[in-house]
């Protein structure tokens, strides 16, 4: 059992939780909680740490039969990113996805989200979770977006990080060009000369462009879109949270596709 917060493993885990540079150098990230461990793809798991009190109070369901190391409660509080740790922490291998592969796998009914420079961890995590619910095929994220492996983002995904493919790009214009070359119609959430979002046809391959929370999409990015769309507002509301707006668009696409398939169940 590890009992010292000065232990080299503990210092490494703290660094992985706090520094994106450390995560990318090793190609790993951290997840916390029993649910996140149970849902994790076995091939992603690299290390597992369990607190002493968790093992005293619970039977550790280790169906994946992975080796785990016990740590004192003090050590677990040190390596945890939460105020009330559950007592299970895993080091996971970063997955790798390629846009061309995602396009090949989803040619007929592709649905993508392209996120430009989002900064709020909760927004990004919620978008991945909502994306899974809406059936998106992938999320494309700019390099200047908050790190998707940030523990706060991971926590907000509620496990969707395991199931929603994502691509991190340092050239969003090329990514959008590749989408369009793959037959995907691109819609920008934008106020200029926009049509209401629910008047468009999203039954064909579709991608939505969502911009930074404060500044929206950059002009050159918005100019890449085939169409501008907006979500009409009542009252004095000028805009919606990025995660809310993304969810509305993704679920509208999902609704239209259900109707096209003849699924009209309520």
Protein backbone atom coordinates (compact mmCIF):
# COMPACT_ATOMS: atom_id res chain seq x y z
CA UNK A 1 0.00 0.00 0.00
CA UNK A 2 1.20 3.51 -0.82
CA UNK A 3 0.99 5.71 2.28
CA UNK A 4 3.24 8.68 1.50
CA UNK A 5 2.18 11.68 -0.57
CA UNK A 6 5.87 12.13 -1.39
CA UNK A 7 5.91 8.79 -3.26
CA UNK A 8 7.10 9.12 -6.88
CA UNK A 9 3.95 7.41 -8.20
CA UNK A 10 1.79 9.86 -6.29
CA UNK A 11 3.68 12.87 -7.62
CA UNK A 12 3.28 11.51 -11.16
CA UNK A 13 -0.47 11.00 -10.72
CA UNK A 14 -0.87 14.55 -9.38
CA UNK A 15 1.01 15.85 -12.41
CA UNK A 16 -1.16 13.83 -14.81
CA UNK A 17 -4.27 15.27 -13.23
CA UNK A 18 -3.11 18.87 -13.31
CA UNK A 19 -0.94 19.21 -16.42
CA UNK A 20 -2.00 18.50 -19.98
CA UNK A 21 1.67 18.44 -21.05
CA UNK A 22 2.33 15.52 -18.69
CA UNK A 23 -0.70 13.66 -20.03
CA UNK A 24 0.27 14.05 -23.67
CA UNK A 25 3.91 13.16 -23.03
CA UNK A 26 2.77 9.80 -21.65
CA UNK A 27 -0.29 9.43 -23.84
CA UNK A 28 -2.53 8.76 -20.83
CA UNK A 29 -5.29 10.44 -18.82
CA UNK A 30 -7.07 9.90 -15.51
CA UNK A 31 -10.63 8.85 -14.72
CA UNK A 32 -12.24 8.61 -11.31
CA UNK A 33 -15.14 6.69 -9.86
CA UNK A 34 -16.60 3.20 -9.82
CA UNK A 35 -18.83 3.82 -12.86
CA UNK A 36 -15.95 5.16 -14.92
CA UNK A 37 -13.89 2.08 -14.06
CA UNK A 38 -16.71 -0.36 -14.79
CA UNK A 39 -17.51 1.22 -18.19
CA UNK A 40 -13.89 1.64 -19.28
CA UNK A 41 -12.74 -0.46 -22.26
CA UNK A 42 -10.36 -3.01 -20.75
CA UNK A 43 -7.74 -2.32 -23.41
CA UNK A 44 -7.56 1.34 -22.36
CA UNK A 45 -6.77 0.63 -18.69
CA UNK A 46 -3.12 1.02 -17.70
CA UNK A 47 -3.20 1.37 -13.89
CA UNK A 48 -5.82 1.26 -11.13
CA UNK A 49 -5.58 2.77 -7.65
CA UNK A 50 -8.12 2.09 -4.88
CA UNK A 51 -8.35 3.82 -1.51
CA UNK A 52 -8.01 1.91 1.75
CA UNK A 53 -11.42 2.99 3.06
CA UNK A 54 -13.14 2.02 -0.20
CA UNK A 55 -11.83 -1.53 0.14
CA UNK A 56 -12.89 -1.63 3.79
CA UNK A 57 -16.47 -0.61 2.98
CA UNK A 58 -17.02 -2.10 -0.48
CA UNK A 59 -16.31 -5.20 -2.49
CA UNK A 60 -14.21 -4.05 -5.44
CA UNK A 61 -15.94 -5.48 -8.51
CA UNK A 62 -12.87 -6.38 -10.56
CA UNK A 63 -14.50 -8.28 -13.43
CA UNK A 64 -11.85 -6.89 -15.75
CA UNK A 65 -9.29 -8.74 -13.61
CA UNK A 66 -6.81 -5.88 -13.70
CA UNK A 67 -4.07 -5.41 -11.14
CA UNK A 68 -4.85 -2.61 -8.71
CA UNK A 69 -2.83 -0.89 -6.03
CA UNK A 70 -4.19 0.19 -2.65
CA UNK A 71 -3.38 3.68 -1.36
CA UNK A 72 -4.11 5.39 1.94
CA UNK A 73 -7.05 7.78 2.13
CA UNK A 74 -4.63 10.70 2.50
CA UNK A 75 -2.84 9.69 -0.68
CA UNK A 76 -6.10 9.22 -2.54
CA UNK A 77 -7.25 12.71 -1.57
CA UNK A 78 -3.96 14.00 -2.96
CA UNK A 79 -4.35 12.32 -6.35
CA UNK A 80 -8.09 12.92 -6.66
CA UNK A 81 -9.62 15.88 -8.52
CA UNK A 82 -12.91 15.73 -6.63
CA UNK A 83 -13.97 17.09 -3.23
CA UNK A 84 -15.58 13.80 -2.21
CA UNK A 85 -13.54 11.04 -3.90
CA UNK A 86 -15.24 7.70 -4.50
CA UNK A 87 -12.00 5.83 -3.98
CA UNK A 88 -11.21 4.45 -7.46
CA UNK A 89 -8.83 6.10 -9.92
CA UNK A 90 -7.57 4.75 -13.25
CA UNK A 91 -4.78 5.72 -15.61
CA UNK A 92 -6.10 5.26 -19.14
CA UNK A 93 -4.46 5.10 -22.55
CA UNK A 94 -5.48 7.96 -24.84
CA UNK A 95 -7.55 6.70 -27.79
CA UNK A 96 -6.62 7.68 -31.33
CA UNK A 97 -9.17 8.44 -34.06
CA UNK A 98 -8.71 9.69 -37.60
CA UNK A 99 -11.26 11.81 -39.44
CA UNK A 100 -10.85 9.90 -42.69
CA UNK A 101 -11.70 6.66 -40.91
CA UNK A 102 -14.79 8.18 -39.32
CA UNK A 103 -15.96 9.45 -42.70
CA UNK A 104 -15.47 6.03 -44.28
CA UNK A 105 -17.48 4.34 -41.55
CA UNK A 106 -20.41 6.77 -41.63
CA UNK A 107 -20.81 7.93 -45.22
CA UNK A 108 -24.60 7.68 -45.56
CA UNK A 109 -25.86 9.23 -42.34
CA UNK A 110 -22.83 11.01 -40.91
CA UNK A 111 -23.43 13.48 -38.10
CA UNK A 112 -20.50 15.51 -36.79
CA UNK A 113 -19.92 18.39 -34.46
CA UNK A 114 -16.99 20.78 -34.99
CA UNK A 115 -15.96 22.81 -31.94
CA UNK A 116 -13.76 25.87 -32.28
CA UNK A 117 -11.79 27.02 -29.23
CA UNK A 118 -14.31 26.18 -26.51
CA UNK A 119 -12.86 26.97 -23.08
CA UNK A 120 -15.31 25.65 -20.52
CA UNK A 121 -14.64 22.04 -19.40
CA UNK A 122 -18.28 21.52 -18.47
CA UNK A 123 -19.43 22.59 -21.92
CA UNK A 124 -17.11 20.19 -23.70
CA UNK A 125 -17.95 17.26 -21.45
CA UNK A 126 -21.68 17.89 -21.72
CA UNK A 127 -21.45 18.13 -25.51
CA UNK A 128 -19.84 14.69 -25.71
CA UNK A 129 -22.51 13.25 -23.42
CA UNK A 130 -25.34 14.85 -25.40
CA UNK A 131 -23.62 13.79 -28.61
CA UNK A 132 -23.74 10.16 -27.57
CA UNK A 133 -27.44 10.51 -26.78
CA UNK A 134 -28.13 12.10 -30.15
CA UNK A 135 -26.09 9.53 -32.04
CA UNK A 136 -23.26 11.68 -33.39
CA UNK A 137 -20.52 9.89 -35.29
CA UNK A 138 -17.71 12.11 -34.12
CA UNK A 139 -16.65 15.41 -32.60
CA UNK A 140 -13.85 17.49 -34.11
CA UNK A 141 -12.06 19.75 -31.65
CA UNK A 142 -9.54 22.50 -32.30
CA UNK A 143 -6.21 22.35 -30.54
CA UNK A 144 -7.03 25.57 -28.67
CA UNK A 145 -10.15 24.05 -27.15
CA UNK A 146 -9.93 23.07 -23.48
CA UNK A 147 -8.09 19.74 -23.18
CA UNK A 148 -10.60 16.93 -23.64
CA UNK A 149 -8.55 14.88 -21.14
CA UNK A 150 -8.89 17.53 -18.44
CA UNK A 151 -10.37 15.72 -15.40
CA UNK A 152 -13.29 18.17 -15.27
CA UNK A 153 -14.13 17.40 -18.91
CA UNK A 154 -13.82 13.66 -18.30
CA UNK A 155 -16.14 13.88 -15.31
CA UNK A 156 -18.73 15.86 -17.29
CA UNK A 157 -18.85 13.24 -20.04
CA UNK A 158 -20.22 10.65 -17.57
CA UNK A 159 -18.52 7.88 -19.55
CA UNK A 160 -19.23 9.16 -23.07
CA UNK A 161 -15.50 9.80 -23.50
CA UNK A 162 -15.27 6.02 -24.06
CA UNK A 163 -17.91 5.87 -26.77
CA UNK A 164 -17.90 9.11 -28.79
CA UNK A 165 -15.04 9.29 -31.30
CA UNK A 166 -13.21 12.62 -31.36
CA UNK A 167 -10.45 14.17 -33.43
CA UNK A 168 -8.20 17.00 -32.24
CA UNK A 169 -7.13 19.19 -35.14
CA UNK A 170 -4.64 22.03 -35.44
CA UNK A 171 -6.21 23.08 -38.76
CA UNK A 172 -9.97 23.47 -38.51
CA UNK A 173 -10.25 24.81 -42.06
CA UNK A 174 -8.69 21.63 -43.45
CA UNK A 175 -10.95 19.51 -41.25
CA UNK A 176 -14.04 21.28 -42.59
CA UNK A 177 -12.69 20.96 -46.14
CA UNK A 178 -12.27 17.21 -45.59
CA UNK A 179 -15.83 16.95 -44.28
CA UNK A 180 -17.21 18.73 -47.33
CA UNK A 181 -15.09 16.59 -49.65
CA UNK A 182 -16.66 13.58 -47.92
CA UNK A 183 -20.14 14.75 -48.88
CA UNK A 184 -21.00 16.37 -45.56
CA UNK A 185 -23.12 19.55 -45.54
CA UNK A 186 -21.71 22.03 -43.02
CA UNK A 187 -23.91 24.36 -40.95
CA UNK A 188 -22.51 27.22 -38.88
CA UNK A 189 -24.30 28.41 -35.77
CA UNK A 190 -24.13 32.08 -36.68
CA UNK A 191 -26.39 35.14 -36.47
CA UNK A 192 -25.53 36.81 -39.80
CA UNK A 193 -28.09 36.16 -42.53
CA UNK A 194 -29.10 32.94 -40.82
CA UNK A 195 -32.17 30.77 -41.21
CA UNK A 196 -33.90 29.16 -38.27
CA UNK A 197 -32.25 25.86 -37.45
CA UNK A 198 -35.49 23.85 -37.68
CA UNK A 199 -36.09 24.84 -41.32
CA UNK A 200 -33.08 22.91 -42.61
CA UNK A 201 -32.77 19.27 -43.72
CA UNK A 202 -30.31 17.32 -41.59
CA UNK A 203 -31.21 13.85 -42.85
CA UNK A 204 -28.17 13.82 -45.14
CA UNK A 205 -24.55 13.82 -43.91
CA UNK A 206 -24.33 16.86 -41.62
CA UNK A 207 -21.83 18.78 -39.51
CA UNK A 208 -22.50 21.66 -37.12
CA UNK A 209 -19.87 24.34 -36.42
CA UNK A 210 -19.94 25.72 -32.87
CA UNK A 211 -17.73 28.63 -31.82
CA UNK A 212 -16.03 29.91 -28.69
CA UNK A 213 -18.36 30.79 -25.79
CA UNK A 214 -17.42 34.49 -25.79
CA UNK A 215 -16.55 35.23 -29.40
CA UNK A 216 -18.41 32.66 -31.49
CA UNK A 217 -16.91 31.30 -34.69
CA UNK A 218 -13.99 33.03 -36.35
CA UNK A 219 -15.00 34.67 -39.61
CA UNK A 220 -12.81 32.42 -41.76
CA UNK A 221 -14.29 29.34 -40.11
CA UNK A 222 -17.88 30.52 -40.50
CA UNK A 223 -17.17 31.30 -44.15
CA UNK A 224 -16.46 27.60 -44.75
CA UNK A 225 -20.06 26.66 -43.94
CA UNK A 226 -22.64 25.82 -46.58
CA UNK A 227 -25.40 27.44 -44.51
CA UNK A 228 -25.78 29.73 -41.49
CA UNK A 229 -28.35 28.71 -38.91
CA UNK A 230 -29.66 30.25 -35.71
CA UNK A 231 -31.81 29.21 -32.78
CA UNK A 232 -34.60 31.80 -32.46
CA UNK A 233 -34.90 33.48 -29.04
CA UNK A 234 -37.76 34.99 -27.11
CA UNK A 235 -37.43 37.66 -24.46
CA UNK A 236 -34.10 39.42 -24.06
CA UNK A 237 -31.89 36.33 -24.43
CA UNK A 238 -29.17 36.92 -27.00
CA UNK A 239 -27.46 33.55 -27.06
CA UNK A 240 -27.36 30.10 -25.49
CA UNK A 241 -24.66 28.19 -23.67
CA UNK A 242 -22.51 26.31 -26.21
CA UNK A 243 -23.51 22.93 -24.80
CA UNK A 244 -27.22 23.82 -24.89
CA UNK A 245 -27.02 25.11 -28.46
CA UNK A 246 -25.08 22.06 -29.60
CA UNK A 247 -27.60 19.75 -27.97
CA UNK A 248 -30.56 21.45 -29.64
CA UNK A 249 -28.95 21.11 -33.07
CA UNK A 250 -27.85 17.50 -32.58
CA UNK A 251 -31.25 16.40 -31.32
CA UNK A 252 -33.04 18.17 -34.16
CA UNK A 253 -30.90 16.16 -36.59
CA UNK A 254 -31.68 13.00 -34.63
CA UNK A 255 -35.42 13.81 -34.69
CA UNK A 256 -35.46 14.32 -38.45
CA UNK A 257 -33.59 11.08 -39.00
CA UNK A 258 -36.00 9.11 -36.84
CA UNK A 259 -38.92 10.47 -38.86
CA UNK A 260 -37.16 9.62 -42.12
CA UNK A 261 -36.80 6.04 -40.91
CA UNK A 262 -40.50 5.94 -40.06
CA UNK A 263 -39.90 5.94 -36.32
CA UNK A 264 -42.66 8.23 -35.06
CA UNK A 265 -43.00 6.73 -31.59
CA UNK A 266 -43.31 9.31 -28.85
